[in-house]
Every structure is written in C-alpha cells, then in structure tokens.
Amino acid sequence: MRIGIVDYGVGNLKSISHAVEKKGGKAVITSSPDELRRCDGIILPGVGAFRCAIENIAPIKSEILELVSDRPLLGICLGMQILASESEEGGLHRGLDLIPGKVTRLTGDIKIPHMGWNSLRITRYSELFDGIEDGSYVYFVHSYFMRTDERFVSTKTEYGVEFPSSVVRDSVMGTQFHPEKSGDTGLRIIENFIDMCRR
C-alpha cells in the first residue's frame, strides 16, 4: 500500500514515514499531485501553525479535495485541524472544510500547550480504532482543538475542556494526538489506516 505523506512545509514527516513502513505500508513523502494520485491513502502530518499550513497546502488544495472522494485521508494534529472549516489561530483562516467545524484555543486553568500522554474516550465506532481499548493513552502536543458536530466525533479527551481527540466523516479522518508517537496503540491506529486503504 502506497501511503502519500503530504509535504507542505510543516509536519513530522520522518516519524510518520517510519510508522507507516513499520506497519507494512510504502511511505511516499511528496507534494506532487501526480504522486499523490498513485497513492492508496493520504496523510496530512501535523506540527506547526494553521495559517502557514493552509497557505503552503493551497497549491494542491483542489487535488486533495478531489482525491478524498475515492481514498482514505488521515490528518494528524495540525493535519486534523486543517480539515476544519476555519481556525481562529493567528486570526481567522479558512480550512479545507472537509469536516464542518472551527478550531479554537484550549481554555481553563491548564498549562498550554497540552503536551504529554492522555486517555481516549471512544464515543463512536470507527475502523480506525479497531482493537483499541477505551481509555487507551496516546501522545498530544497542541494548543488548539476542533469544535465540531457530535456525529463526526470518534473519541474525546479531557484537558481543561473535553475536546474531540479524533474525528471521522466518511473516508476523512483526523487525530488530534500523534499516533506515530503513541507506542503500540498509535502503531495499531496506523495499521488500521493502512488496512482501510487496502479496501
């Protein structure tokens, strides 16, 4: 399975590539629309700021929106956030609008960014979480989160507020946490995504 990891100037490319390869996928790091068309699934990685990410992805935005009609897409951390309609990080900016919602800053008497291990509460079935137990711990690094309709939320996590830690809409998925940094649990999620790309 060829998994296209989109290189748009931000992200955690090497760690994600390593996780994909470890679970039997062929990782293809690229910003070429033609290369992405030859992939069975797409990953939007995530480290950085929303505005920079959405500006950098603009040249291939139309191709990504086209490709998700017939293959799975996984957004990780910032990659999940740019799936939303808009973000208030650094001003108001439009996202890919693949999952209706708005990205807002974490609030409460908490240390920001949210950094470290935290648990998942599974709220709705998704193939992405096959074999993952409710309460499993995964690794987070973020200051913002997506507000969206409950029907798109697969897991929630508590940190100051209860926020969607993963979202799913048809073949479009996002995790606010970093599966590539989340040990065996994260590797199982990557494996599940690769399996979804096979079907």
N, C-alpha and C. Protein backbone atom coordinates (compact mmCIF):
# COMPACT_ATOMS: atom_id res chain seq x y z
N MET A 1 0.83 -1.20 0.00
CA MET A 1 0.00 0.00 0.00
C MET A 1 0.87 1.25 0.00
N ARG A 2 0.66 2.10 -0.98
CA ARG A 2 1.39 3.38 -1.05
C ARG A 2 0.62 4.43 -0.28
N ILE A 3 1.26 4.97 0.75
CA ILE A 3 0.64 5.99 1.59
C ILE A 3 1.36 7.31 1.34
N GLY A 4 0.63 8.28 0.78
CA GLY A 4 1.21 9.58 0.49
C GLY A 4 1.20 10.46 1.73
N ILE A 5 2.38 10.85 2.18
CA ILE A 5 2.52 11.78 3.31
C ILE A 5 2.80 13.15 2.72
N VAL A 6 1.85 14.05 2.86
CA VAL A 6 1.92 15.33 2.15
C VAL A 6 2.96 16.24 2.80
N ASP A 7 3.92 16.65 2.01
CA ASP A 7 4.98 17.56 2.45
C ASP A 7 4.55 18.98 2.11
N TYR A 8 4.05 19.71 3.11
CA TYR A 8 3.62 21.09 2.86
C TYR A 8 4.34 22.06 3.79
N GLY A 9 5.60 21.73 4.06
CA GLY A 9 6.45 22.68 4.77
C GLY A 9 6.34 22.62 6.27
N VAL A 10 5.45 21.80 6.79
CA VAL A 10 5.33 21.60 8.23
C VAL A 10 5.22 20.09 8.44
N GLY A 11 5.22 19.68 9.67
CA GLY A 11 4.91 18.27 9.89
C GLY A 11 6.04 17.48 10.51
N ASN A 12 5.71 16.25 10.79
CA ASN A 12 6.59 15.33 11.47
C ASN A 12 6.83 14.16 10.52
N LEU A 13 7.44 14.47 9.39
CA LEU A 13 7.46 13.55 8.25
C LEU A 13 8.20 12.25 8.53
N LYS A 14 9.37 12.33 9.13
CA LYS A 14 10.18 11.12 9.32
C LYS A 14 9.52 10.14 10.27
N SER A 15 8.97 10.63 11.37
CA SER A 15 8.34 9.74 12.35
C SER A 15 7.13 9.04 11.74
N ILE A 16 6.32 9.78 10.99
CA ILE A 16 5.14 9.18 10.37
C ILE A 16 5.56 8.17 9.29
N SER A 17 6.55 8.55 8.49
CA SER A 17 7.05 7.65 7.46
C SER A 17 7.55 6.35 8.08
N HIS A 18 8.28 6.45 9.17
CA HIS A 18 8.81 5.26 9.85
C HIS A 18 7.67 4.38 10.35
N ALA A 19 6.63 5.00 10.94
CA ALA A 19 5.49 4.22 11.46
C ALA A 19 4.76 3.50 10.34
N VAL A 20 4.57 4.18 9.21
CA VAL A 20 3.90 3.57 8.06
C VAL A 20 4.70 2.38 7.55
N GLU A 21 6.00 2.56 7.41
CA GLU A 21 6.86 1.48 6.91
C GLU A 21 6.87 0.30 7.89
N LYS A 22 6.88 0.60 9.18
CA LYS A 22 6.91 -0.45 10.20
C LYS A 22 5.66 -1.32 10.11
N LYS A 23 4.54 -0.73 9.68
CA LYS A 23 3.28 -1.47 9.60
C LYS A 23 2.97 -1.95 8.19
N GLY A 24 3.99 -2.00 7.34
CA GLY A 24 3.84 -2.65 6.04
C GLY A 24 3.42 -1.78 4.90
N GLY A 25 3.31 -0.47 5.13
CA GLY A 25 2.97 0.44 4.04
C GLY A 25 4.22 0.97 3.36
N LYS A 26 4.07 1.51 2.18
CA LYS A 26 5.14 2.18 1.46
C LYS A 26 4.91 3.69 1.61
N ALA A 27 5.77 4.34 2.41
CA ALA A 27 5.61 5.76 2.68
C ALA A 27 6.17 6.58 1.53
N VAL A 28 5.35 7.50 1.00
CA VAL A 28 5.77 8.36 -0.11
C VAL A 28 5.61 9.81 0.36
N ILE A 29 6.72 10.45 0.69
CA ILE A 29 6.69 11.85 1.11
C ILE A 29 6.73 12.72 -0.14
N THR A 30 5.68 13.52 -0.34
CA THR A 30 5.58 14.25 -1.61
C THR A 30 4.65 15.45 -1.51
N SER A 31 4.84 16.40 -2.39
CA SER A 31 3.88 17.49 -2.58
C SER A 31 3.39 17.50 -4.03
N SER A 32 3.64 16.41 -4.74
CA SER A 32 3.26 16.31 -6.15
C SER A 32 1.86 15.72 -6.29
N PRO A 33 0.93 16.42 -6.93
CA PRO A 33 -0.41 15.86 -7.15
C PRO A 33 -0.37 14.55 -7.92
N ASP A 34 0.51 14.44 -8.91
CA ASP A 34 0.61 13.20 -9.69
C ASP A 34 1.05 12.04 -8.81
N GLU A 35 1.99 12.29 -7.92
CA GLU A 35 2.47 11.25 -7.00
C GLU A 35 1.35 10.85 -6.04
N LEU A 36 0.60 11.82 -5.55
CA LEU A 36 -0.49 11.53 -4.62
C LEU A 36 -1.58 10.69 -5.29
N ARG A 37 -1.82 10.92 -6.57
CA ARG A 37 -2.83 10.15 -7.30
C ARG A 37 -2.45 8.67 -7.39
N ARG A 38 -1.17 8.37 -7.29
CA ARG A 38 -0.71 6.99 -7.35
C ARG A 38 -0.71 6.32 -5.97
N CYS A 39 -1.14 7.05 -4.96
CA CYS A 39 -1.16 6.52 -3.60
C CYS A 39 -2.55 5.98 -3.25
N ASP A 40 -2.57 5.01 -2.35
CA ASP A 40 -3.83 4.38 -1.93
C ASP A 40 -4.48 5.12 -0.77
N GLY A 41 -3.73 5.93 -0.08
CA GLY A 41 -4.23 6.73 1.03
C GLY A 41 -3.32 7.92 1.24
N ILE A 42 -3.82 8.93 1.96
CA ILE A 42 -3.09 10.18 2.15
C ILE A 42 -3.05 10.54 3.63
N ILE A 43 -1.89 11.00 4.09
CA ILE A 43 -1.74 11.50 5.45
C ILE A 43 -1.32 12.97 5.40
N LEU A 44 -2.03 13.81 6.14
CA LEU A 44 -1.63 15.20 6.36
C LEU A 44 -0.97 15.26 7.72
N PRO A 45 0.36 15.43 7.78
CA PRO A 45 1.06 15.43 9.06
C PRO A 45 0.80 16.72 9.82
N GLY A 46 1.32 16.80 11.05
CA GLY A 46 0.96 17.99 11.79
C GLY A 46 1.89 18.45 12.87
N VAL A 47 2.75 19.40 12.55
CA VAL A 47 3.45 20.20 13.55
C VAL A 47 3.58 21.57 12.94
N GLY A 48 3.13 22.61 13.65
CA GLY A 48 3.25 23.95 13.09
C GLY A 48 2.00 24.78 13.34
N ALA A 49 1.87 25.87 12.59
CA ALA A 49 0.77 26.81 12.76
C ALA A 49 -0.22 26.69 11.61
N PHE A 50 -1.49 26.92 11.91
CA PHE A 50 -2.58 26.74 10.95
C PHE A 50 -2.38 27.60 9.70
N ARG A 51 -2.11 28.88 9.90
CA ARG A 51 -2.02 29.80 8.75
C ARG A 51 -0.92 29.36 7.78
N CYS A 52 0.23 29.03 8.32
CA CYS A 52 1.35 28.59 7.48
C CYS A 52 0.97 27.32 6.72
N ALA A 53 0.33 26.39 7.43
CA ALA A 53 -0.04 25.12 6.82
C ALA A 53 -1.03 25.31 5.68
N ILE A 54 -2.08 26.10 5.90
CA ILE A 54 -3.11 26.24 4.88
C ILE A 54 -2.59 27.04 3.69
N GLU A 55 -1.67 27.97 3.93
CA GLU A 55 -1.06 28.71 2.82
C GLU A 55 -0.15 27.79 1.99
N ASN A 56 0.60 26.93 2.68
CA ASN A 56 1.52 26.05 1.97
C ASN A 56 0.81 24.95 1.19
N ILE A 57 -0.37 24.56 1.68
CA ILE A 57 -1.09 23.48 1.01
C ILE A 57 -1.97 24.01 -0.13
N ALA A 58 -2.11 25.33 -0.22
CA ALA A 58 -3.00 25.94 -1.22
C ALA A 58 -2.73 25.47 -2.65
N PRO A 59 -1.46 25.31 -3.07
CA PRO A 59 -1.22 24.90 -4.47
C PRO A 59 -1.77 23.52 -4.82
N ILE A 60 -1.97 22.66 -3.82
CA ILE A 60 -2.50 21.32 -4.11
C ILE A 60 -3.84 21.08 -3.42
N LYS A 61 -4.46 22.15 -2.93
CA LYS A 61 -5.74 22.01 -2.22
C LYS A 61 -6.79 21.33 -3.08
N SER A 62 -6.95 21.77 -4.32
CA SER A 62 -8.01 21.23 -5.18
C SER A 62 -7.79 19.75 -5.44
N GLU A 63 -6.52 19.35 -5.60
CA GLU A 63 -6.21 17.93 -5.83
C GLU A 63 -6.55 17.09 -4.61
N ILE A 64 -6.24 17.60 -3.41
CA ILE A 64 -6.56 16.86 -2.19
C ILE A 64 -8.06 16.70 -2.04
N LEU A 65 -8.81 17.76 -2.29
CA LEU A 65 -10.27 17.68 -2.20
C LEU A 65 -10.84 16.69 -3.21
N GLU A 66 -10.20 16.59 -4.35
CA GLU A 66 -10.63 15.63 -5.36
C GLU A 66 -10.29 14.20 -4.96
N LEU A 67 -9.09 14.00 -4.44
CA LEU A 67 -8.61 12.65 -4.14
C LEU A 67 -9.36 11.98 -3.00
N VAL A 68 -9.86 12.78 -2.04
CA VAL A 68 -10.53 12.15 -0.89
C VAL A 68 -11.89 11.55 -1.27
N SER A 69 -12.32 11.75 -2.49
CA SER A 69 -13.59 11.14 -2.91
C SER A 69 -13.46 9.63 -3.09
N ASP A 70 -12.23 9.14 -3.27
CA ASP A 70 -12.10 7.70 -3.52
C ASP A 70 -10.93 7.03 -2.79
N ARG A 71 -10.39 7.70 -1.76
CA ARG A 71 -9.35 7.06 -0.95
C ARG A 71 -9.32 7.71 0.44
N PRO A 72 -8.88 6.95 1.44
CA PRO A 72 -8.87 7.48 2.81
C PRO A 72 -7.83 8.59 3.00
N LEU A 73 -8.16 9.53 3.87
CA LEU A 73 -7.25 10.60 4.26
C LEU A 73 -7.22 10.67 5.78
N LEU A 74 -6.02 10.77 6.34
CA LEU A 74 -5.84 10.90 7.79
C LEU A 74 -5.06 12.18 8.08
N GLY A 75 -5.68 13.08 8.85
CA GLY A 75 -4.99 14.28 9.31
C GLY A 75 -4.51 14.07 10.73
N ILE A 76 -3.25 14.41 11.00
CA ILE A 76 -2.66 14.21 12.32
C ILE A 76 -2.33 15.56 12.95
N CYS A 77 -2.86 15.81 14.15
CA CYS A 77 -2.63 17.02 14.94
C CYS A 77 -3.01 18.26 14.12
N LEU A 78 -2.05 19.06 13.69
CA LEU A 78 -2.38 20.20 12.82
C LEU A 78 -3.05 19.73 11.55
N GLY A 79 -2.67 18.55 11.07
CA GLY A 79 -3.31 17.98 9.89
C GLY A 79 -4.79 17.72 10.08
N MET A 80 -5.19 17.37 11.32
CA MET A 80 -6.61 17.24 11.63
C MET A 80 -7.27 18.62 11.65
N GLN A 81 -6.58 19.60 12.23
CA GLN A 81 -7.19 20.93 12.35
C GLN A 81 -7.46 21.57 11.00
N ILE A 82 -6.58 21.36 10.01
CA ILE A 82 -6.82 22.00 8.71
C ILE A 82 -7.95 21.31 7.93
N LEU A 83 -8.45 20.18 8.45
CA LEU A 83 -9.65 19.57 7.86
C LEU A 83 -10.90 20.40 8.16
N ALA A 84 -10.83 21.24 9.19
CA ALA A 84 -11.99 22.00 9.65
C ALA A 84 -12.34 23.14 8.68
N SER A 85 -13.49 23.75 8.93
CA SER A 85 -13.94 24.87 8.09
C SER A 85 -13.08 26.11 8.29
N GLU A 86 -12.68 26.36 9.55
CA GLU A 86 -11.91 27.56 9.85
C GLU A 86 -11.18 27.42 11.18
N SER A 87 -10.20 28.30 11.37
CA SER A 87 -9.45 28.33 12.62
C SER A 87 -9.27 29.77 13.07
N GLU A 88 -9.24 29.95 14.38
CA GLU A 88 -9.01 31.28 14.94
C GLU A 88 -7.55 31.47 15.37
N GLU A 89 -6.69 30.52 15.04
CA GLU A 89 -5.28 30.64 15.41
C GLU A 89 -4.60 31.70 14.55
N GLY A 90 -4.09 32.74 15.20
CA GLY A 90 -3.41 33.81 14.47
C GLY A 90 -4.33 34.61 13.57
N GLY A 91 -5.60 34.80 13.97
CA GLY A 91 -6.60 35.43 13.13
C GLY A 91 -7.54 34.36 12.60
N LEU A 92 -8.52 34.76 11.83
CA LEU A 92 -9.48 33.80 11.29
C LEU A 92 -9.05 33.35 9.90
N HIS A 93 -8.89 32.03 9.73
CA HIS A 93 -8.40 31.49 8.47
C HIS A 93 -9.27 30.31 8.04
N ARG A 94 -9.54 30.20 6.75
CA ARG A 94 -10.34 29.11 6.21
C ARG A 94 -9.50 27.85 6.11
N GLY A 95 -10.14 26.71 6.45
CA GLY A 95 -9.50 25.42 6.31
C GLY A 95 -9.99 24.70 5.06
N LEU A 96 -9.76 23.39 5.02
CA LEU A 96 -10.19 22.60 3.87
C LEU A 96 -11.69 22.34 3.87
N ASP A 97 -12.34 22.52 5.01
CA ASP A 97 -13.80 22.36 5.14
C ASP A 97 -14.25 20.93 4.80
N LEU A 98 -13.41 19.95 5.09
CA LEU A 98 -13.80 18.56 4.89
C LEU A 98 -14.59 18.03 6.08
N ILE A 99 -14.37 18.63 7.25
CA ILE A 99 -15.17 18.32 8.43
C ILE A 99 -15.67 19.66 8.98
N PRO A 100 -16.99 19.90 8.94
CA PRO A 100 -17.51 21.19 9.40
C PRO A 100 -17.12 21.44 10.86
N GLY A 101 -16.51 22.57 11.12
CA GLY A 101 -16.11 22.88 12.48
C GLY A 101 -15.16 24.05 12.53
N LYS A 102 -14.85 24.46 13.75
CA LYS A 102 -13.96 25.61 13.97
C LYS A 102 -12.89 25.23 14.97
N VAL A 103 -11.66 25.61 14.68
CA VAL A 103 -10.54 25.34 15.57
C VAL A 103 -10.37 26.52 16.52
N THR A 104 -10.41 26.22 17.83
CA THR A 104 -10.31 27.26 18.85
C THR A 104 -9.26 26.88 19.89
N ARG A 105 -8.85 27.85 20.68
CA ARG A 105 -7.78 27.64 21.65
C ARG A 105 -8.30 26.90 22.89
N LEU A 106 -7.47 26.03 23.44
CA LEU A 106 -7.78 25.39 24.71
C LEU A 106 -7.92 26.45 25.79
N THR A 107 -8.83 26.21 26.74
CA THR A 107 -9.05 27.17 27.81
C THR A 107 -9.08 26.45 29.15
N GLY A 108 -9.03 27.22 30.22
CA GLY A 108 -9.11 26.65 31.56
C GLY A 108 -7.81 26.87 32.31
N ASP A 109 -7.80 26.44 33.55
CA ASP A 109 -6.63 26.59 34.42
C ASP A 109 -5.66 25.45 34.13
N ILE A 110 -5.06 25.51 32.96
CA ILE A 110 -4.22 24.42 32.47
C ILE A 110 -2.96 24.99 31.84
N LYS A 111 -1.95 24.16 31.73
CA LYS A 111 -0.72 24.54 31.05
C LYS A 111 -0.92 24.34 29.55
N ILE A 112 -0.58 25.37 28.78
CA ILE A 112 -0.70 25.30 27.32
C ILE A 112 0.69 25.50 26.72
N PRO A 113 1.10 24.64 25.80
CA PRO A 113 0.31 23.62 25.13
C PRO A 113 0.04 22.38 25.98
N HIS A 114 -1.01 21.67 25.60
CA HIS A 114 -1.29 20.35 26.14
C HIS A 114 -0.21 19.43 25.57
N MET A 115 0.69 18.96 26.43
CA MET A 115 1.81 18.16 25.97
C MET A 115 1.98 16.93 26.85
N GLY A 116 1.91 15.75 26.25
CA GLY A 116 2.11 14.52 27.00
C GLY A 116 1.01 13.51 26.73
N TRP A 117 0.98 12.49 27.58
CA TRP A 117 0.06 11.37 27.40
C TRP A 117 -1.29 11.67 28.03
N ASN A 118 -2.34 11.28 27.34
CA ASN A 118 -3.70 11.44 27.87
C ASN A 118 -4.57 10.34 27.27
N SER A 119 -5.73 10.13 27.88
CA SER A 119 -6.55 8.97 27.50
C SER A 119 -7.63 9.34 26.50
N LEU A 120 -8.08 8.32 25.78
CA LEU A 120 -9.16 8.45 24.79
C LEU A 120 -10.44 7.86 25.36
N ARG A 121 -11.53 8.59 25.20
CA ARG A 121 -12.85 8.03 25.48
C ARG A 121 -13.53 7.82 24.14
N ILE A 122 -13.74 6.55 23.78
CA ILE A 122 -14.33 6.23 22.49
C ILE A 122 -15.83 6.51 22.53
N THR A 123 -16.29 7.38 21.65
CA THR A 123 -17.70 7.80 21.66
C THR A 123 -18.49 7.27 20.47
N ARG A 124 -17.78 6.86 19.41
CA ARG A 124 -18.47 6.36 18.22
C ARG A 124 -17.53 5.43 17.48
N TYR A 125 -18.07 4.33 16.97
CA TYR A 125 -17.22 3.34 16.30
C TYR A 125 -16.58 3.90 15.04
N SER A 126 -15.32 3.58 14.87
CA SER A 126 -14.60 3.85 13.63
C SER A 126 -13.61 2.72 13.42
N GLU A 127 -13.46 2.29 12.18
CA GLU A 127 -12.47 1.26 11.86
C GLU A 127 -11.07 1.69 12.28
N LEU A 128 -10.83 2.98 12.34
CA LEU A 128 -9.52 3.49 12.73
C LEU A 128 -9.11 3.00 14.11
N PHE A 129 -10.12 2.70 14.95
CA PHE A 129 -9.85 2.30 16.33
C PHE A 129 -10.12 0.83 16.60
N ASP A 130 -10.17 0.02 15.55
CA ASP A 130 -10.30 -1.43 15.76
C ASP A 130 -9.16 -1.93 16.64
N GLY A 131 -9.51 -2.68 17.68
CA GLY A 131 -8.51 -3.24 18.57
C GLY A 131 -7.97 -2.27 19.61
N ILE A 132 -8.49 -1.05 19.63
CA ILE A 132 -8.05 -0.05 20.62
C ILE A 132 -9.06 -0.02 21.77
N GLU A 133 -8.57 -0.19 22.98
CA GLU A 133 -9.45 -0.21 24.14
C GLU A 133 -9.82 1.21 24.57
N ASP A 134 -11.06 1.35 25.05
CA ASP A 134 -11.48 2.62 25.64
C ASP A 134 -10.56 2.94 26.81
N GLY A 135 -10.11 4.19 26.90
CA GLY A 135 -9.20 4.59 27.97
C GLY A 135 -7.74 4.47 27.60
N SER A 136 -7.43 4.02 26.38
CA SER A 136 -6.04 3.90 25.94
C SER A 136 -5.37 5.28 25.94
N TYR A 137 -4.07 5.27 26.21
CA TYR A 137 -3.31 6.53 26.27
C TYR A 137 -2.56 6.77 24.97
N VAL A 138 -2.56 8.04 24.56
CA VAL A 138 -1.87 8.47 23.35
C VAL A 138 -1.17 9.80 23.64
N TYR A 139 -0.32 10.24 22.72
CA TYR A 139 0.54 11.40 22.97
C TYR A 139 0.05 12.64 22.22
N PHE A 140 -0.07 13.74 22.98
CA PHE A 140 -0.58 15.01 22.45
C PHE A 140 0.48 16.11 22.54
N VAL A 141 0.46 17.02 21.56
CA VAL A 141 1.16 18.31 21.64
C VAL A 141 0.32 19.31 20.86
N HIS A 142 -0.45 20.14 21.56
CA HIS A 142 -1.30 21.11 20.85
C HIS A 142 -1.83 22.18 21.80
N SER A 143 -2.19 23.31 21.21
CA SER A 143 -2.79 24.43 21.96
C SER A 143 -4.21 24.72 21.51
N TYR A 144 -4.61 24.15 20.36
CA TYR A 144 -5.93 24.39 19.77
C TYR A 144 -6.62 23.05 19.54
N PHE A 145 -7.94 23.11 19.39
CA PHE A 145 -8.71 21.90 19.12
C PHE A 145 -9.90 22.23 18.23
N MET A 146 -10.47 21.20 17.64
CA MET A 146 -11.59 21.39 16.73
C MET A 146 -12.93 21.26 17.45
N ARG A 147 -13.78 22.25 17.28
CA ARG A 147 -15.18 22.14 17.72
C ARG A 147 -16.00 21.69 16.50
N THR A 148 -16.73 20.60 16.64
CA THR A 148 -17.50 20.09 15.51
C THR A 148 -18.72 19.36 16.02
N ASP A 149 -19.61 18.99 15.11
CA ASP A 149 -20.82 18.28 15.45
C ASP A 149 -20.50 16.89 16.01
N GLU A 150 -21.27 16.47 17.00
CA GLU A 150 -21.02 15.18 17.66
C GLU A 150 -21.01 14.02 16.68
N ARG A 151 -21.72 14.12 15.58
CA ARG A 151 -21.79 12.98 14.67
C ARG A 151 -20.47 12.71 13.96
N PHE A 152 -19.53 13.66 14.03
CA PHE A 152 -18.22 13.46 13.42
C PHE A 152 -17.15 13.06 14.44
N VAL A 153 -17.51 12.99 15.72
CA VAL A 153 -16.53 12.75 16.79
C VAL A 153 -16.44 11.26 17.10
N SER A 154 -15.22 10.72 17.06
CA SER A 154 -14.99 9.30 17.38
C SER A 154 -14.46 9.10 18.79
N THR A 155 -13.59 10.00 19.24
CA THR A 155 -13.07 9.93 20.61
C THR A 155 -13.01 11.33 21.20
N LYS A 156 -13.05 11.38 22.52
CA LYS A 156 -12.90 12.64 23.25
C LYS A 156 -11.81 12.48 24.30
N THR A 157 -11.23 13.61 24.68
CA THR A 157 -10.18 13.63 25.69
C THR A 157 -10.40 14.86 26.58
N GLU A 158 -10.06 14.73 27.85
CA GLU A 158 -10.26 15.81 28.82
C GLU A 158 -8.94 16.51 29.09
N TYR A 159 -8.92 17.83 28.87
CA TYR A 159 -7.79 18.66 29.26
C TYR A 159 -8.27 20.10 29.34
N GLY A 160 -8.67 20.50 30.52
CA GLY A 160 -9.30 21.81 30.69
C GLY A 160 -10.74 21.78 30.23
N VAL A 161 -10.94 21.33 29.01
CA VAL A 161 -12.27 21.07 28.44
C VAL A 161 -12.24 19.66 27.86
N GLU A 162 -13.41 19.11 27.61
CA GLU A 162 -13.47 17.85 26.88
C GLU A 162 -13.53 18.18 25.39
N PHE A 163 -12.55 17.72 24.65
CA PHE A 163 -12.45 18.10 23.24
C PHE A 163 -12.42 16.85 22.35
N PRO A 164 -12.80 16.98 21.09
CA PRO A 164 -12.71 15.86 20.16
C PRO A 164 -11.24 15.52 19.89
N SER A 165 -10.83 14.32 20.27
CA SER A 165 -9.44 13.92 20.01
C SER A 165 -9.32 13.12 18.73
N SER A 166 -10.45 12.77 18.12
CA SER A 166 -10.44 12.23 16.76
C SER A 166 -11.79 12.49 16.12
N VAL A 167 -11.77 12.61 14.80
CA VAL A 167 -12.99 12.87 14.03
C VAL A 167 -13.00 11.99 12.79
N VAL A 168 -14.20 11.66 12.34
CA VAL A 168 -14.35 10.85 11.14
C VAL A 168 -15.57 11.34 10.36
N ARG A 169 -15.38 11.52 9.06
CA ARG A 169 -16.50 11.80 8.16
C ARG A 169 -16.25 11.02 6.87
N ASP A 170 -16.96 9.91 6.73
CA ASP A 170 -16.77 9.02 5.59
C ASP A 170 -15.30 8.56 5.55
N SER A 171 -14.58 8.86 4.47
CA SER A 171 -13.19 8.39 4.36
C SER A 171 -12.18 9.42 4.88
N VAL A 172 -12.67 10.51 5.46
CA VAL A 172 -11.81 11.55 6.02
C VAL A 172 -11.74 11.39 7.53
N MET A 173 -10.51 11.28 8.06
CA MET A 173 -10.30 11.05 9.49
C MET A 173 -9.26 12.01 10.02
N GLY A 174 -9.33 12.29 11.31
CA GLY A 174 -8.30 13.11 11.94
C GLY A 174 -8.07 12.69 13.36
N THR A 175 -6.81 12.76 13.80
CA THR A 175 -6.48 12.54 15.21
C THR A 175 -5.76 13.78 15.73
N GLN A 176 -6.24 14.32 16.86
CA GLN A 176 -5.55 15.46 17.45
C GLN A 176 -4.22 15.03 18.07
N PHE A 177 -4.15 13.78 18.47
CA PHE A 177 -2.91 13.22 19.02
C PHE A 177 -2.00 12.73 17.89
N HIS A 178 -0.80 12.35 18.28
CA HIS A 178 0.19 11.85 17.32
C HIS A 178 0.30 10.33 17.43
N PRO A 179 -0.34 9.58 16.53
CA PRO A 179 -0.23 8.12 16.61
C PRO A 179 1.21 7.64 16.42
N GLU A 180 1.98 8.37 15.63
CA GLU A 180 3.38 7.96 15.38
C GLU A 180 4.26 8.11 16.61
N LYS A 181 3.75 8.78 17.65
CA LYS A 181 4.49 8.95 18.91
C LYS A 181 3.79 8.25 20.07
N SER A 182 2.79 7.42 19.77
CA SER A 182 1.92 6.86 20.80
C SER A 182 2.11 5.36 21.02
N GLY A 183 3.34 4.88 20.82
CA GLY A 183 3.65 3.50 21.14
C GLY A 183 2.83 2.50 20.35
N ASP A 184 2.55 1.35 20.99
CA ASP A 184 1.81 0.27 20.31
C ASP A 184 0.40 0.69 19.92
N THR A 185 -0.24 1.52 20.77
CA THR A 185 -1.59 1.98 20.45
C THR A 185 -1.58 2.79 19.16
N GLY A 186 -0.64 3.70 19.05
CA GLY A 186 -0.55 4.52 17.84
C GLY A 186 -0.21 3.72 16.61
N LEU A 187 0.68 2.75 16.77
CA LEU A 187 1.04 1.91 15.62
C LEU A 187 -0.14 1.08 15.15
N ARG A 188 -0.99 0.65 16.09
CA ARG A 188 -2.19 -0.08 15.70
C ARG A 188 -3.13 0.82 14.89
N ILE A 189 -3.22 2.09 15.27
CA ILE A 189 -4.07 3.04 14.54
C ILE A 189 -3.52 3.24 13.12
N ILE A 190 -2.20 3.37 12.99
CA ILE A 190 -1.58 3.48 11.68
C ILE A 190 -1.85 2.22 10.86
N GLU A 191 -1.73 1.07 11.49
CA GLU A 191 -2.01 -0.21 10.81
C GLU A 191 -3.45 -0.27 10.34
N ASN A 192 -4.39 0.18 11.19
CA ASN A 192 -5.79 0.20 10.81
C ASN A 192 -6.03 1.09 9.60
N PHE A 193 -5.34 2.25 9.59
CA PHE A 193 -5.49 3.16 8.45
C PHE A 193 -4.99 2.50 7.16
N ILE A 194 -3.84 1.85 7.24
CA ILE A 194 -3.31 1.15 6.06
C ILE A 194 -4.28 0.07 5.60
N ASP A 195 -4.87 -0.67 6.54
CA ASP A 195 -5.86 -1.69 6.18
C ASP A 195 -7.06 -1.06 5.48
N MET A 196 -7.50 0.11 5.92
CA MET A 196 -8.61 0.80 5.28
C MET A 196 -8.25 1.20 3.86
N CYS A 197 -6.99 1.51 3.63
CA CYS A 197 -6.54 1.89 2.28
C CYS A 197 -6.54 0.68 1.35
N ARG A 198 -6.46 -0.52 1.89
CA ARG A 198 -6.48 -1.74 1.08
C ARG A 198 -7.89 -2.03 0.55
N ARG A 199 -8.92 -1.59 1.27
CA ARG A 199 -10.28 -1.97 0.93
C ARG A 199 -10.89 -1.02 -0.09
